[in-house]
Amino acid sequence: MKVDYLSEEEQFIKVLNQEEISRIQNPEIRKIREKYWRLQHEAFMNERDIPDSELGKVSKELIRQEQEELQRFKNTKI
């Protein structure tokens, strides 16, 4: 079965689901995206340590960190 990889632009869209992440051809980019998807998921599941009132702030910070890491990757590898 042929994998339909995301385009160069699509792989850097701010929010991707797991299926879209799995279609990123570059393993380094895919690893970054998987890491932050997992961190977002863990934050949403961590009701004991992260109150609902803080969840949005935590999520935005993770998105910011992910975008910074992706930008560093683009600056050095592309």
PDB file of N, CA and C in Angstrom:
ATOM      1  N   MET A   1       0.837  -1.193   0.000  1.00  0.00           N
ATOM      2  CA  MET A   1       0.000   0.000   0.000  1.00  0.00           C
ATOM      3  C   MET A   1       0.883   1.259   0.000  1.00  0.00           C
ATOM      4  N   LYS A   2       0.619   2.164  -0.900  1.00  0.00           N
ATOM      5  CA  LYS A   2       1.377   3.404  -1.020  1.00  0.00           C
ATOM      6  C   LYS A   2       0.878   4.416   0.015  1.00  0.00           C
ATOM      7  N   VAL A   3       1.813   5.020   0.741  1.00  0.00           N
ATOM      8  CA  VAL A   3       1.464   6.045   1.722  1.00  0.00           C
ATOM      9  C   VAL A   3       1.337   7.381   0.998  1.00  0.00           C
ATOM     10  N   ASP A   4       0.270   8.094   1.254  1.00  0.00           N
ATOM     11  CA  ASP A   4       0.044   9.413   0.675  1.00  0.00           C
ATOM     12  C   ASP A   4       0.620  10.449   1.637  1.00  0.00           C
ATOM     13  N   TYR A   5       1.897  10.803   1.431  1.00  0.00           N
ATOM     14  CA  TYR A   5       2.574  11.720   2.341  1.00  0.00           C
ATOM     15  C   TYR A   5       1.993  13.126   2.254  1.00  0.00           C
ATOM     16  N   LEU A   6       2.108  13.856   3.377  1.00  0.00           N
ATOM     17  CA  LEU A   6       1.693  15.255   3.394  1.00  0.00           C
ATOM     18  C   LEU A   6       2.671  16.077   2.561  1.00  0.00           C
ATOM     19  N   SER A   7       2.191  17.172   2.030  1.00  0.00           N
ATOM     20  CA  SER A   7       3.061  18.083   1.289  1.00  0.00           C
ATOM     21  C   SER A   7       3.990  18.813   2.267  1.00  0.00           C
ATOM     22  N   GLU A   8       4.964  19.485   1.723  1.00  0.00           N
ATOM     23  CA  GLU A   8       5.906  20.271   2.535  1.00  0.00           C
ATOM     24  C   GLU A   8       5.149  21.267   3.423  1.00  0.00           C
ATOM     25  N   GLU A   9       4.158  21.956   2.871  1.00  0.00           N
ATOM     26  CA  GLU A   9       3.390  22.939   3.632  1.00  0.00           C
ATOM     27  C   GLU A   9       2.501  22.264   4.681  1.00  0.00           C
ATOM     28  N   GLU A  10       1.855  21.167   4.281  1.00  0.00           N
ATOM     29  CA  GLU A  10       0.915  20.493   5.180  1.00  0.00           C
ATOM     30  C   GLU A  10       1.585  19.963   6.442  1.00  0.00           C
ATOM     31  N   GLN A  11       2.824  19.493   6.333  1.00  0.00           N
ATOM     32  CA  GLN A  11       3.479  18.912   7.505  1.00  0.00           C
ATOM     33  C   GLN A  11       3.809  19.946   8.576  1.00  0.00           C
ATOM     34  N   PHE A  12       3.737  21.230   8.219  1.00  0.00           N
ATOM     35  CA  PHE A  12       4.010  22.295   9.179  1.00  0.00           C
ATOM     36  C   PHE A  12       2.747  23.033   9.637  1.00  0.00           C
ATOM     37  N   ILE A  13       1.567  22.542   9.261  1.00  0.00           N
ATOM     38  CA  ILE A  13       0.314  23.132   9.751  1.00  0.00           C
ATOM     39  C   ILE A  13       0.331  23.049  11.267  1.00  0.00           C
ATOM     40  N   LYS A  14      -0.229  24.065  11.926  1.00  0.00           N
ATOM     41  CA  LYS A  14      -0.133  24.173  13.382  1.00  0.00           C
ATOM     42  C   LYS A  14      -0.666  22.946  14.120  1.00  0.00           C
ATOM     43  N   VAL A  15      -1.820  22.433  13.729  1.00  0.00           N
ATOM     44  CA  VAL A  15      -2.425  21.297  14.436  1.00  0.00           C
ATOM     45  C   VAL A  15      -2.651  20.148  13.455  1.00  0.00           C
ATOM     46  N   LEU A  16      -2.089  18.992  13.799  1.00  0.00           N
ATOM     47  CA  LEU A  16      -2.282  17.783  12.999  1.00  0.00           C
ATOM     48  C   LEU A  16      -2.793  16.667  13.902  1.00  0.00           C
ATOM     49  N   ASN A  17      -3.610  15.774  13.336  1.00  0.00           N
ATOM     50  CA  ASN A  17      -4.049  14.614  14.108  1.00  0.00           C
ATOM     51  C   ASN A  17      -3.034  13.480  13.912  1.00  0.00           C
ATOM     52  N   GLN A  18      -3.229  12.370  14.627  1.00  0.00           N
ATOM     53  CA  GLN A  18      -2.274  11.261  14.566  1.00  0.00           C
ATOM     54  C   GLN A  18      -2.138  10.692  13.157  1.00  0.00           C
ATOM     55  N   GLU A  19      -3.229  10.569  12.453  1.00  0.00           N
ATOM     56  CA  GLU A  19      -3.190  10.012  11.099  1.00  0.00           C
ATOM     57  C   GLU A  19      -2.369  10.917  10.185  1.00  0.00           C
ATOM     58  N   GLU A  20      -2.560  12.218  10.311  1.00  0.00           N
ATOM     59  CA  GLU A  20      -1.793  13.158   9.487  1.00  0.00           C
ATOM     60  C   GLU A  20      -0.304  13.110   9.858  1.00  0.00           C
ATOM     61  N   ILE A  21      -0.010  13.024  11.141  1.00  0.00           N
ATOM     62  CA  ILE A  21       1.381  12.946  11.586  1.00  0.00           C
ATOM     63  C   ILE A  21       2.052  11.701  11.003  1.00  0.00           C
ATOM     64  N   SER A  22       1.331  10.601  10.957  1.00  0.00           N
ATOM     65  CA  SER A  22       1.901   9.362  10.420  1.00  0.00           C
ATOM     66  C   SER A  22       2.224   9.474   8.935  1.00  0.00           C
ATOM     67  N   ARG A  23       1.661  10.475   8.255  1.00  0.00           N
ATOM     68  CA  ARG A  23       1.888  10.670   6.825  1.00  0.00           C
ATOM     69  C   ARG A  23       2.993  11.687   6.533  1.00  0.00           C
ATOM     70  N   ILE A  24       3.742  12.086   7.563  1.00  0.00           N
ATOM     71  CA  ILE A  24       4.893  12.975   7.364  1.00  0.00           C
ATOM     72  C   ILE A  24       6.077  12.108   6.945  1.00  0.00           C
ATOM     73  N   GLN A  25       6.632  12.407   5.813  1.00  0.00           N
ATOM     74  CA  GLN A  25       7.703  11.580   5.258  1.00  0.00           C
ATOM     75  C   GLN A  25       9.016  11.724   6.034  1.00  0.00           C
ATOM     76  N   ASN A  26       9.375  12.927   6.410  1.00  0.00           N
ATOM     77  CA  ASN A  26      10.640  13.171   7.096  1.00  0.00           C
ATOM     78  C   ASN A  26      10.547  12.656   8.540  1.00  0.00           C
ATOM     79  N   PRO A  27      11.406  11.687   8.911  1.00  0.00           N
ATOM     80  CA  PRO A  27      11.303  11.103  10.251  1.00  0.00           C
ATOM     81  C   PRO A  27      11.601  12.090  11.382  1.00  0.00           C
ATOM     82  N   GLU A  28      12.454  13.073  11.148  1.00  0.00           N
ATOM     83  CA  GLU A  28      12.761  14.061  12.193  1.00  0.00           C
ATOM     84  C   GLU A  28      11.552  14.949  12.477  1.00  0.00           C
ATOM     85  N   ILE A  29      10.896  15.400  11.421  1.00  0.00           N
ATOM     86  CA  ILE A  29       9.695  16.229  11.595  1.00  0.00           C
ATOM     87  C   ILE A  29       8.593  15.399  12.244  1.00  0.00           C
ATOM     88  N   ARG A  30       8.433  14.164  11.777  1.00  0.00           N
ATOM     89  CA  ARG A  30       7.402  13.287  12.345  1.00  0.00           C
ATOM     90  C   ARG A  30       7.651  13.063  13.837  1.00  0.00           C
ATOM     91  N   LYS A  31       8.904  12.889  14.220  1.00  0.00           N
ATOM     92  CA  LYS A  31       9.246  12.673  15.633  1.00  0.00           C
ATOM     93  C   LYS A  31       8.886  13.899  16.483  1.00  0.00           C
ATOM     94  N   ILE A  32       9.182  15.089  15.991  1.00  0.00           N
ATOM     95  CA  ILE A  32       8.832  16.326  16.705  1.00  0.00           C
ATOM     96  C   ILE A  32       7.317  16.408  16.871  1.00  0.00           C
ATOM     97  N   ARG A  33       6.590  16.195  15.777  1.00  0.00           N
ATOM     98  CA  ARG A  33       5.126  16.291  15.821  1.00  0.00           C
ATOM     99  C   ARG A  33       4.520  15.246  16.757  1.00  0.00           C
ATOM    100  N   GLU A  34       5.064  14.020  16.730  1.00  0.00           N
ATOM    101  CA  GLU A  34       4.576  12.955  17.620  1.00  0.00           C
ATOM    102  C   GLU A  34       4.832  13.308  19.081  1.00  0.00           C
ATOM    103  N   LYS A  35       5.993  13.886  19.372  1.00  0.00           N
ATOM    104  CA  LYS A  35       6.339  14.259  20.746  1.00  0.00           C
ATOM    105  C   LYS A  35       5.328  15.260  21.303  1.00  0.00           C
ATOM    106  N   TYR A  36       5.030  16.295  20.534  1.00  0.00           N
ATOM    107  CA  TYR A  36       4.115  17.318  21.038  1.00  0.00           C
ATOM    108  C   TYR A  36       2.664  16.855  21.027  1.00  0.00           C
ATOM    109  N   TRP A  37       2.298  15.969  20.107  1.00  0.00           N
ATOM    110  CA  TRP A  37       0.956  15.386  20.151  1.00  0.00           C
ATOM    111  C   TRP A  37       0.801  14.611  21.454  1.00  0.00           C
ATOM    112  N   ARG A  38       1.823  13.811  21.812  1.00  0.00           N
ATOM    113  CA  ARG A  38       1.803  13.025  23.048  1.00  0.00           C
ATOM    114  C   ARG A  38       1.737  13.937  24.278  1.00  0.00           C
ATOM    115  N   LEU A  39       2.525  15.015  24.294  1.00  0.00           N
ATOM    116  CA  LEU A  39       2.510  15.947  25.424  1.00  0.00           C
ATOM    117  C   LEU A  39       1.149  16.618  25.569  1.00  0.00           C
ATOM    118  N   GLN A  40       0.538  16.998  24.442  1.00  0.00           N
ATOM    119  CA  GLN A  40      -0.806  17.585  24.494  1.00  0.00           C
ATOM    120  C   GLN A  40      -1.803  16.575  25.071  1.00  0.00           C
ATOM    121  N   HIS A  41      -1.737  15.350  24.591  1.00  0.00           N
ATOM    122  CA  HIS A  41      -2.639  14.298  25.059  1.00  0.00           C
ATOM    123  C   HIS A  41      -2.455  14.065  26.564  1.00  0.00           C
ATOM    124  N   GLU A  42      -1.203  13.983  27.007  1.00  0.00           N
ATOM    125  CA  GLU A  42      -0.917  13.782  28.429  1.00  0.00           C
ATOM    126  C   GLU A  42      -1.451  14.940  29.266  1.00  0.00           C
ATOM    127  N   ALA A  43      -1.319  16.159  28.772  1.00  0.00           N
ATOM    128  CA  ALA A  43      -1.830  17.328  29.508  1.00  0.00           C
ATOM    129  C   ALA A  43      -3.354  17.241  29.657  1.00  0.00           C
ATOM    130  N   PHE A  44      -4.049  16.875  28.586  1.00  0.00           N
ATOM    131  CA  PHE A  44      -5.505  16.774  28.656  1.00  0.00           C
ATOM    132  C   PHE A  44      -5.956  15.642  29.581  1.00  0.00           C
ATOM    133  N   MET A  45      -5.150  14.589  29.670  1.00  0.00           N
ATOM    134  CA  MET A  45      -5.507  13.456  30.520  1.00  0.00           C
ATOM    135  C   MET A  45      -5.115  13.683  31.986  1.00  0.00           C
ATOM    136  N   ASN A  46      -4.280  14.659  32.250  1.00  0.00           N
ATOM    137  CA  ASN A  46      -3.750  14.905  33.587  1.00  0.00           C
ATOM    138  C   ASN A  46      -4.657  15.848  34.377  1.00  0.00           C
ATOM    139  N   GLU A  47      -5.857  15.386  34.662  1.00  0.00           N
ATOM    140  CA  GLU A  47      -6.829  16.214  35.379  1.00  0.00           C
ATOM    141  C   GLU A  47      -6.403  16.510  36.806  1.00  0.00           C
ATOM    142  N   ARG A  48      -5.624  15.628  37.397  1.00  0.00           N
ATOM    143  CA  ARG A  48      -5.230  15.790  38.793  1.00  0.00           C
ATOM    144  C   ARG A  48      -4.254  16.956  38.970  1.00  0.00           C
ATOM    145  N   ASP A  49      -3.286  17.088  38.049  1.00  0.00           N
ATOM    146  CA  ASP A  49      -2.243  18.101  38.209  1.00  0.00           C
ATOM    147  C   ASP A  49      -2.487  19.375  37.403  1.00  0.00           C
ATOM    148  N   ILE A  50      -3.326  19.290  36.385  1.00  0.00           N
ATOM    149  CA  ILE A  50      -3.590  20.471  35.549  1.00  0.00           C
ATOM    150  C   ILE A  50      -5.092  20.764  35.593  1.00  0.00           C
ATOM    151  N   PRO A  51      -5.481  21.812  36.328  1.00  0.00           N
ATOM    152  CA  PRO A  51      -6.912  22.148  36.383  1.00  0.00           C
ATOM    153  C   PRO A  51      -7.406  22.645  35.028  1.00  0.00           C
ATOM    154  N   ASP A  52      -8.690  22.462  34.783  1.00  0.00           N
ATOM    155  CA  ASP A  52      -9.290  22.898  33.515  1.00  0.00           C
ATOM    156  C   ASP A  52      -8.983  24.360  33.214  1.00  0.00           C
ATOM    157  N   SER A  53      -8.943  25.185  34.253  1.00  0.00           N
ATOM    158  CA  SER A  53      -8.694  26.619  34.053  1.00  0.00           C
ATOM    159  C   SER A  53      -7.289  26.890  33.514  1.00  0.00           C
ATOM    160  N   GLU A  54      -6.353  25.959  33.698  1.00  0.00           N
ATOM    161  CA  GLU A  54      -4.977  26.123  33.232  1.00  0.00           C
ATOM    162  C   GLU A  54      -4.699  25.389  31.931  1.00  0.00           C
ATOM    163  N   LEU A  55      -5.601  24.509  31.525  1.00  0.00           N
ATOM    164  CA  LEU A  55      -5.366  23.641  30.375  1.00  0.00           C
ATOM    165  C   LEU A  55      -5.111  24.421  29.088  1.00  0.00           C
ATOM    166  N   GLY A  56      -5.874  25.473  28.860  1.00  0.00           N
ATOM    167  CA  GLY A  56      -5.674  26.293  27.662  1.00  0.00           C
ATOM    168  C   GLY A  56      -4.298  26.918  27.624  1.00  0.00           C
ATOM    169  N   LYS A  57      -3.834  27.397  28.767  1.00  0.00           N
ATOM    170  CA  LYS A  57      -2.519  28.016  28.860  1.00  0.00           C
ATOM    171  C   LYS A  57      -1.422  26.976  28.598  1.00  0.00           C
ATOM    172  N   VAL A  58      -1.571  25.790  29.183  1.00  0.00           N
ATOM    173  CA  VAL A  58      -0.600  24.718  28.987  1.00  0.00           C
ATOM    174  C   VAL A  58      -0.560  24.314  27.511  1.00  0.00           C
ATOM    175  N   SER A  59      -1.735  24.178  26.905  1.00  0.00           N
ATOM    176  CA  SER A  59      -1.831  23.787  25.503  1.00  0.00           C
ATOM    177  C   SER A  59      -1.172  24.817  24.590  1.00  0.00           C
ATOM    178  N   LYS A  60      -1.443  26.087  24.826  1.00  0.00           N
ATOM    179  CA  LYS A  60      -0.838  27.151  24.012  1.00  0.00           C
ATOM    180  C   LYS A  60       0.681  27.158  24.144  1.00  0.00           C
ATOM    181  N   GLU A  61       1.184  26.900  25.360  1.00  0.00           N
ATOM    182  CA  GLU A  61       2.626  26.865  25.574  1.00  0.00           C
ATOM    183  C   GLU A  61       3.255  25.684  24.836  1.00  0.00           C
ATOM    184  N   LEU A  62       2.593  24.536  24.843  1.00  0.00           N
ATOM    185  CA  LEU A  62       3.111  23.384  24.103  1.00  0.00           C
ATOM    186  C   LEU A  62       3.120  23.661  22.594  1.00  0.00           C
ATOM    187  N   ILE A  63       2.083  24.318  22.100  1.00  0.00           N
ATOM    188  CA  ILE A  63       2.035  24.679  20.675  1.00  0.00           C
ATOM    189  C   ILE A  63       3.179  25.632  20.342  1.00  0.00           C
ATOM    190  N   ARG A  64       3.418  26.602  21.220  1.00  0.00           N
ATOM    191  CA  ARG A  64       4.508  27.558  21.005  1.00  0.00           C
ATOM    192  C   ARG A  64       5.858  26.824  20.958  1.00  0.00           C
ATOM    193  N   GLN A  65       6.080  25.914  21.907  1.00  0.00           N
ATOM    194  CA  GLN A  65       7.330  25.162  21.941  1.00  0.00           C
ATOM    195  C   GLN A  65       7.506  24.308  20.686  1.00  0.00           C
ATOM    196  N   GLU A  66       6.415  23.679  20.259  1.00  0.00           N
ATOM    197  CA  GLU A  66       6.469  22.845  19.058  1.00  0.00           C
ATOM    198  C   GLU A  66       6.817  23.687  17.834  1.00  0.00           C
ATOM    199  N   GLN A  67       6.181  24.844  17.703  1.00  0.00           N
ATOM    200  CA  GLN A  67       6.449  25.709  16.556  1.00  0.00           C
ATOM    201  C   GLN A  67       7.899  26.203  16.568  1.00  0.00           C
ATOM    202  N   GLU A  68       8.432  26.493  17.756  1.00  0.00           N
ATOM    203  CA  GLU A  68       9.835  26.897  17.857  1.00  0.00           C
ATOM    204  C   GLU A  68      10.760  25.769  17.415  1.00  0.00           C
ATOM    205  N   GLU A  69      10.467  24.552  17.868  1.00  0.00           N
ATOM    206  CA  GLU A  69      11.309  23.409  17.502  1.00  0.00           C
ATOM    207  C   GLU A  69      11.237  23.131  15.999  1.00  0.00           C
ATOM    208  N   LEU A  70      10.043  23.245  15.432  1.00  0.00           N
ATOM    209  CA  LEU A  70       9.896  23.053  13.991  1.00  0.00           C
ATOM    210  C   LEU A  70      10.639  24.141  13.218  1.00  0.00           C
ATOM    211  N   GLN A  71      10.590  25.377  13.724  1.00  0.00           N
ATOM    212  CA  GLN A  71      11.298  26.476  13.061  1.00  0.00           C
ATOM    213  C   GLN A  71      12.805  26.256  13.118  1.00  0.00           C
ATOM    214  N   ARG A  72      13.316  25.789  14.258  1.00  0.00           N
ATOM    215  CA  ARG A  72      14.754  25.484  14.357  1.00  0.00           C
ATOM    216  C   ARG A  72      15.130  24.396  13.359  1.00  0.00           C
ATOM    217  N   PHE A  73      14.270  23.390  13.233  1.00  0.00           N
ATOM    218  CA  PHE A  73      14.524  22.329  12.267  1.00  0.00           C
ATOM    219  C   PHE A  73      14.585  22.902  10.854  1.00  0.00           C
ATOM    220  N   LYS A  74      13.605  23.738  10.501  1.00  0.00           N
ATOM    221  CA  LYS A  74      13.582  24.342   9.167  1.00  0.00           C
ATOM    222  C   LYS A  74      14.831  25.183   8.920  1.00  0.00           C
ATOM    223  N   ASN A  75      15.249  25.911   9.925  1.00  0.00           N
ATOM    224  CA  ASN A  75      16.421  26.800   9.776  1.00  0.00           C
ATOM    225  C   ASN A  75      17.708  26.018   9.569  1.00  0.00           C
ATOM    226  N   THR A  76      17.803  24.829  10.125  1.00  0.00           N
ATOM    227  CA  THR A  76      19.051  24.086  10.035  1.00  0.00           C
ATOM    228  C   THR A  76      19.044  22.990   8.980  1.00  0.00           C
ATOM    229  N   LYS A  77      17.870  22.459   8.630  1.00  0.00           N
ATOM    230  CA  LYS A  77      17.817  21.287   7.759  1.00  0.00           C
ATOM    231  C   LYS A  77      17.240  21.557   6.377  1.00  0.00           C
ATOM    232  N   ILE A  78      16.456  22.592   6.248  1.00  0.00           N
ATOM    233  CA  ILE A  78      15.762  22.798   4.961  1.00  0.00           C
ATOM    234  C   ILE A  78      16.373  24.000   4.247  1.00  0.00           C
TER     235      ILE A  78
END
